[in-house]
Protein backbone atom coordinates (compact mmCIF):
# COMPACT_ATOMS: atom_id res chain seq x y z
CA MET A 1 115.68 99.70 82.19
CA PRO A 2 118.52 97.63 83.27
CA ILE A 3 117.13 98.69 87.34
CA GLN A 4 113.47 97.41 88.07
CA ILE A 5 111.93 98.24 91.01
CA LEU A 6 108.72 96.61 91.60
CA TRP A 7 106.33 96.94 95.35
CA GLY A 8 103.16 96.69 96.35
CA ASN A 9 100.83 93.65 97.95
CA ASP A 10 99.71 92.56 94.18
CA LEU A 11 102.07 89.96 93.83
CA ASN A 12 100.05 88.27 91.31
CA ALA A 13 100.68 91.50 89.36
CA GLN A 14 104.13 91.69 90.08
CA ASN A 15 105.07 87.85 89.11
CA THR A 16 102.99 88.40 85.63
CA PHE A 17 105.04 91.62 84.64
CA ILE A 18 108.24 89.57 85.55
CA LYS A 19 106.71 86.22 83.58
CA GLU A 20 105.93 88.63 80.55
CA LEU A 21 109.36 90.63 80.37
CA ILE A 22 111.14 87.11 80.50
CA GLU A 23 109.41 86.08 77.78
CA LYS A 24 110.00 88.82 75.78
CA GLU A 25 113.73 89.79 76.20
CA VAL A 26 115.14 86.23 77.26
CA SER A 27 116.56 83.97 74.80
CA LYS A 28 114.06 80.62 74.92
CA GLU A 29 117.46 78.76 74.04
CA TRP A 30 119.61 80.31 77.28
CA LYS A 31 116.45 80.58 79.28
CA GLU A 32 117.94 78.04 81.62
CA ILE A 33 121.28 79.95 82.37
CA ASN A 34 119.73 83.56 81.93
CA VAL A 35 117.12 83.68 84.48
CA THR A 36 118.23 83.68 88.17
CA ASN A 37 115.32 83.96 91.13
CA LEU A 38 116.68 84.85 94.62
CA ASN A 39 115.46 85.56 97.76
CA GLY A 40 116.83 88.80 99.32
CA ASP A 41 115.97 87.24 102.95
CA ASP A 42 119.15 85.31 102.33
CA ASP A 43 122.66 87.46 102.85
CA GLU A 44 124.22 85.10 100.68
CA GLN A 45 121.52 85.06 97.88
CA VAL A 46 121.69 88.74 97.84
CA ASN A 47 125.60 88.78 97.65
CA LYS A 48 124.89 86.35 94.63
CA ALA A 49 122.60 88.39 92.80
CA PHE A 50 124.87 91.48 93.07
CA ASN A 51 127.45 88.88 91.54
CA GLU A 52 124.85 87.59 88.85
CA ILE A 53 124.23 91.09 87.45
CA LEU A 54 127.71 91.52 86.52
CA THR A 55 127.96 88.68 84.46
CA PRO A 56 126.95 89.15 80.82
CA PRO A 57 123.96 86.71 79.47
CA PHE A 58 125.23 83.79 77.65
CA GLY A 59 123.90 83.80 73.60
CA GLU A 60 121.62 86.04 72.53
CA GLY A 61 118.95 88.19 74.60
CA TYR A 62 119.00 89.48 78.16
CA ARG A 63 119.75 88.10 81.45
CA ILE A 64 117.31 88.82 84.20
CA VAL A 65 118.31 88.30 87.49
CA THR A 66 115.15 88.69 90.16
CA LEU A 67 115.65 89.17 94.12
CA LYS A 68 112.19 88.91 96.05
CA ASN A 69 112.09 90.35 99.23
CA ASN A 70 114.60 93.12 98.34
CA PRO A 71 116.23 94.50 101.26
CA ILE A 72 118.10 97.53 99.89
CA PHE A 73 115.60 100.30 99.72
CA ASN A 74 113.38 99.33 102.91
CA THR A 75 116.45 98.09 105.20
CA LYS A 76 119.14 100.55 106.70
CA ASN A 77 122.32 98.63 105.80
CA GLU A 78 125.44 100.59 104.99
CA SER A 79 127.33 97.88 103.59
CA LEU A 80 124.42 97.15 101.26
CA ARG A 81 123.89 100.34 100.22
CA THR A 82 127.84 101.08 99.38
CA LYS A 83 128.21 98.34 97.67
CA PHE A 84 124.63 98.60 95.37
CA GLU A 85 126.28 102.29 94.41
CA LYS A 86 129.77 101.03 93.68
CA ILE A 87 128.16 98.21 91.11
CA HIS A 88 125.32 99.99 89.81
CA GLY A 89 126.92 101.36 87.23
CA ASN A 90 128.66 98.16 85.74
CA ILE A 91 125.78 96.19 84.94
CA PRO A 92 125.76 95.34 81.51
CA THR A 93 122.53 97.37 79.17
CA ASN A 94 121.21 93.77 78.52
CA THR A 95 120.68 92.54 81.92
CA TYR A 96 117.96 93.28 83.93
CA PHE A 97 117.81 93.49 87.79
CA ILE A 98 115.04 93.17 89.29
CA LEU A 99 114.14 94.01 92.86
CA GLN A 100 110.92 93.21 94.32
CA ASN A 101 109.11 93.98 97.87
CA ILE A 102 105.45 94.48 98.93
CA LYS A 103 106.68 97.51 100.83
CA LYS A 104 107.24 101.02 99.09
CA PRO A 105 110.88 101.81 99.23
CA ASP A 106 111.77 104.02 102.28
CA SER A 107 112.03 107.48 101.28
CA ARG A 108 114.12 108.05 104.67
CA LEU A 109 116.83 105.83 103.33
CA LYS A 110 120.04 107.07 101.76
CA SER A 111 119.48 104.05 99.05
CA THR A 112 116.08 105.29 98.30
CA LYS A 113 117.43 108.55 97.62
CA PHE A 114 120.25 107.53 95.43
CA LEU A 115 117.57 105.10 93.77
CA GLN A 116 115.56 108.58 92.88
CA LYS A 117 118.46 109.89 91.38
CA LEU A 118 118.68 106.99 89.12
CA ILE A 119 115.13 107.22 88.28
CA LYS A 120 115.48 111.14 87.75
CA ASN A 121 118.52 109.60 85.18
CA ASN A 122 116.37 107.23 83.12
CA LEU A 123 118.84 104.52 85.08
CA ALA A 124 116.23 102.64 86.95
CA LYS A 125 112.49 102.51 86.88
CA GLU A 126 110.12 102.14 89.94
CA LYS A 127 106.59 100.33 89.30
CA SER A 128 104.11 100.06 91.92
CA PHE A 129 101.48 96.97 92.17
CA SER A 130 99.48 97.77 94.61
CA LEU A 131 95.48 95.78 95.55
CA PRO A 132 93.01 98.45 97.66
CA GLU A 133 92.88 97.39 101.16
CA ILE A 134 90.42 94.67 101.71
CA TRP A 135 87.82 97.07 104.02
CA ASP A 136 88.23 99.72 101.24
CA TYR A 137 85.11 99.39 99.24
CA GLU A 138 85.49 102.20 96.82
CA GLY A 139 89.14 101.20 96.16
CA GLN A 140 87.68 97.99 95.25
CA LYS A 141 85.12 98.57 93.20
CA ARG A 142 87.33 100.95 90.93
CA PHE A 143 90.04 98.52 90.49
CA LEU A 144 87.48 96.08 89.67
CA GLU A 145 85.80 98.34 86.70
CA ASP A 146 89.36 99.46 85.76
CA SER A 147 90.37 95.99 85.25
CA ALA A 148 87.09 94.99 83.25
CA ASN A 149 87.24 98.35 81.28
CA ALA A 150 91.13 97.38 80.26
CA ILE A 151 89.22 94.00 78.17
CA ASN A 152 86.45 96.24 77.10
CA ILE A 153 83.68 95.14 80.13
CA ARG A 154 81.28 97.74 81.65
CA LEU A 155 79.44 96.55 84.61
CA ASP A 156 76.34 97.76 86.50
CA LYS A 157 76.28 98.46 89.83
CA LYS A 158 74.86 95.13 91.45
CA ALA A 159 77.36 93.43 89.36
CA ALA A 160 80.47 94.74 90.72
CA GLU A 161 79.02 94.11 94.18
CA LEU A 162 78.60 90.25 93.45
CA ILE A 163 82.06 90.27 92.11
CA ILE A 164 83.50 91.66 95.10
CA ASP A 165 81.55 89.37 97.15
CA TYR A 166 83.36 86.17 94.84
CA VAL A 167 86.74 87.11 94.40
CA GLY A 168 87.34 89.65 97.31
CA ASN A 169 90.98 91.12 96.66
CA ASP A 170 92.68 88.62 94.69
CA SER A 171 93.50 90.00 91.65
CA PHE A 172 94.39 86.45 90.42
CA LYS A 173 91.20 85.38 90.74
CA LEU A 174 90.02 88.45 89.23
CA LYS A 175 91.95 87.98 85.89
CA ASN A 176 90.53 84.77 85.50
CA GLU A 177 86.75 85.29 86.15
CA LEU A 178 87.12 88.47 83.94
CA ALA A 179 88.34 86.43 81.36
CA LYS A 180 86.10 83.87 81.26
CA ALA A 181 83.54 86.49 81.59
CA LYS A 182 84.37 87.91 78.14
CA ILE A 183 84.69 84.80 76.61
CA TYR A 184 80.79 84.04 77.79
CA LEU A 185 79.63 87.74 76.84
CA SER A 186 81.24 87.44 73.32
CA SER A 187 79.45 84.43 72.30
CA ILE A 188 76.34 86.28 73.15
CA ALA A 189 77.15 89.66 71.73
CA SER A 190 74.88 91.00 68.70
CA TYR A 191 78.20 92.82 67.12
CA SER A 192 81.74 91.52 67.85
CA ASN A 193 83.24 95.36 68.33
CA SER A 194 80.82 96.80 70.86
CA GLN A 195 81.71 97.10 74.16
CA LEU A 196 80.60 93.99 76.34
CA PHE A 197 78.07 94.78 79.49
CA LEU A 198 78.31 92.35 82.47
CA LYS A 199 74.93 92.27 84.18
CA SER A 200 74.16 91.09 88.01
CA ASN A 201 72.66 87.72 86.46
CA ASP A 202 75.97 87.23 84.30
CA VAL A 203 78.20 87.38 87.30
CA LYS A 204 75.98 84.46 88.84
CA LYS A 205 76.05 82.29 85.63
CA ILE A 206 79.83 82.85 85.20
CA PHE A 207 81.58 82.85 88.76
CA SER A 208 81.82 80.02 90.49
CA ASP A 209 83.50 80.39 93.50
CA HIS A 210 82.50 81.38 97.01
CA GLN A 211 84.32 84.10 98.52
CA SER A 212 84.20 84.46 102.29
CA ASN A 213 86.40 86.69 104.43
CA VAL A 214 86.59 87.93 107.81
CA PHE A 215 85.67 91.23 106.91
CA LYS A 216 82.40 90.22 104.84
CA ILE A 217 81.44 88.25 108.44
CA ILE A 218 82.56 91.91 110.17
CA ASP A 219 79.87 93.56 107.95
CA LEU A 220 76.91 91.05 108.68
CA LEU A 221 77.62 91.28 112.62
CA LEU A 222 77.53 94.86 112.34
CA GLN A 223 74.27 95.13 110.51
CA LYS A 224 73.10 92.51 113.16
CA ASN A 225 72.55 89.68 110.62
CA MET A 226 73.50 87.01 112.74
CA ASN A 227 72.09 84.45 110.38
CA GLU A 228 73.99 85.25 107.36
CA SER A 229 77.14 85.83 109.43
CA LEU A 230 76.87 82.16 111.00
CA LEU A 231 76.86 80.98 107.43
CA GLU A 232 79.51 82.54 106.46
CA ILE A 233 81.35 81.40 109.66
CA ASN A 234 80.46 77.84 109.15
CA TYR A 235 81.61 78.20 105.62
CA TYR A 236 85.28 79.12 106.98
CA LEU A 237 85.34 76.55 109.64
CA GLN A 238 84.58 73.95 106.53
CA LYS A 239 87.19 75.15 104.78
CA GLY A 240 89.32 74.05 107.48
CA GLU A 241 90.16 77.51 108.97
CA PRO A 242 91.22 76.93 112.70
CA PRO A 243 88.02 78.57 114.93
CA LEU A 244 90.89 80.22 117.05
CA ARG A 245 92.44 81.86 114.41
CA LEU A 246 88.80 82.61 112.61
CA ASN A 247 88.07 84.09 116.37
CA ALA A 248 91.24 85.96 116.52
CA GLY A 249 90.43 87.98 113.51
CA LEU A 250 87.11 89.07 114.67
CA ILE A 251 87.87 90.26 118.11
CA SER A 252 90.77 92.32 116.74
CA GLN A 253 88.37 93.78 113.86
CA ILE A 254 85.37 94.73 116.21
CA ARG A 255 87.87 96.04 118.89
CA ILE A 256 89.03 98.37 116.37
CA HIS A 257 85.71 99.39 115.56
CA THR A 258 84.60 99.58 119.12
CA ILE A 259 87.38 102.06 119.89
CA ILE A 260 86.54 104.26 117.05
CA LYS A 261 82.76 103.87 118.16
CA LEU A 262 83.74 105.39 121.62
CA ALA A 263 85.99 107.88 120.21
CA VAL A 264 83.74 109.46 118.41
CA ASN A 265 81.14 109.42 120.80
CA SER A 266 83.56 111.15 123.10
CA GLY A 267 84.20 114.29 120.66
CA ASN A 268 87.98 112.88 119.92
CA ASP A 269 87.84 113.93 116.29
CA ASN A 270 92.10 113.07 116.84
CA ALA A 271 93.02 110.77 113.54
CA GLU A 272 96.50 110.01 115.27
CA LYS A 273 95.51 109.77 118.52
CA ILE A 274 92.72 107.57 117.21
CA CYS A 275 95.23 104.92 115.41
CA ASN A 276 97.40 104.85 118.53
CA LEU A 277 94.57 103.69 120.61
CA ALA A 278 92.98 101.62 117.87
CA GLY A 279 96.53 100.02 116.78
CA ILE A 280 96.11 100.78 113.05
CA SER A 281 98.43 102.51 110.63
CA ASN A 282 96.24 104.18 107.99
CA PRO A 283 94.69 106.98 109.35
CA LYS A 284 91.82 106.86 105.72
CA ARG A 285 90.50 103.32 107.56
CA ILE A 286 89.04 105.56 110.34
CA PHE A 287 87.22 107.71 107.63
CA PHE A 288 85.84 104.03 106.47
CA ILE A 289 84.90 102.77 109.89
CA ARG A 290 83.46 105.76 111.14
CA LYS A 291 80.72 105.41 108.13
CA LYS A 292 80.16 102.08 109.38
CA VAL A 293 79.71 102.45 112.90
CA LYS A 294 77.61 105.73 112.64
CA ASN A 295 74.37 104.40 113.29
CA ILE A 296 75.44 101.32 115.50
CA SER A 297 75.09 102.23 119.35
CA GLN A 298 78.25 101.73 121.40
CA GLU A 299 76.36 99.01 123.51
CA TYR A 300 76.05 96.69 120.60
CA LEU A 301 79.86 96.61 119.66
CA ILE A 302 80.79 96.20 123.35
CA ASN A 303 78.28 93.47 123.86
CA LEU A 304 79.34 91.87 120.59
CA LEU A 305 83.07 92.25 121.53
CA SER A 306 82.15 90.46 124.92
CA ASN A 307 80.71 87.90 123.46
CA LEU A 308 83.38 86.99 121.25
CA LEU A 309 85.51 86.94 124.06
CA ASP A 310 83.22 84.23 125.53
CA ILE A 311 83.44 82.49 122.11
CA GLU A 312 87.65 82.38 122.64
CA SER A 313 86.93 81.14 125.77
CA SER A 314 84.84 78.49 125.28
CA LEU A 315 86.92 77.18 122.21
CA LYS A 316 89.91 76.84 124.41
CA GLN A 317 87.87 74.36 126.52
CA GLY A 318 87.41 72.41 123.43
CA ASN A 319 83.80 72.74 122.93
CA ASN A 320 82.28 72.51 119.55
CA PRO A 321 83.09 75.67 117.31
CA VAL A 322 80.04 75.62 115.30
CA ASN A 323 77.81 75.10 118.75
CA VAL A 324 80.19 78.21 120.08
CA PHE A 325 79.39 80.87 117.49
CA THR A 326 75.69 79.73 117.03
CA GLU A 327 75.27 80.05 121.01
CA ASN A 328 77.24 82.90 121.35
CA LEU A 329 76.02 85.25 118.39
CA ILE A 330 72.30 84.52 117.46
CA ASN A 331 70.89 86.20 120.52
CA LEU A 332 72.86 89.35 119.64
CA SER A 333 70.90 89.80 116.50
């Protein structure tokens, strides 16, 4: 397909796809000339991309022109749309035009409707590379299991939980760690063709890097596990995370949890209204947060939010971050 539309938040997977396509289709001798990487944030580079795709490749093989942050199907721009519609039919059959973006093409735009016609007529191909949201544990678990199954590894339940803790939402790190796991498990397997089984004890031996994120800290705070939450906070600070930025992330998430808890307690089940109040765009997230705050009192959430705001004030006065977090959180357990 000359026109390839790639979208989704898994940029590592997108880039791997492009790299494999280049290795497969582009002549090594002509690679420097026949591979062009451009940025759609720059109007001049967009115009350059349109010119490049009309030029046949030099020598053997294909030409590949990649336009990251592709604006054609995500931004209303009639001039851009008209130009794309005029030139698309003149793209040589041995040239790939790869249009990347994190966002899915906007179905309301005329350019996207035109794209759908191209896809229907096999003149373009759309491929999504989306990671589950970091708050979507079940989605992360399915993604992990699918990635492991793809390389003949089966996971036990505790192993999956540990890997998510170690790797978080990083597909590149997950791929590398699972590759290490396969080498390790293959070396101890009884039969070379049998499916490999990864247990929690194996994960502890193989997966080395400690992973911390705001959502893990949030979960610990919701569980009133202050000792563990402070360890995670300290780990974050030691990595060089600015204390105010870390605290701002905690405030933002606890605020959302508190609003949803108050809405539930008041009998408000209107997902759209709750989304507007909490400032979240995905209604599915309400379901996950409601489960998390089900057995937590609204008083605890309000006190936690209040203490985080006190932490912000204290940090702005220049006080020691470790002491500030400890003093304001330890007594909430």
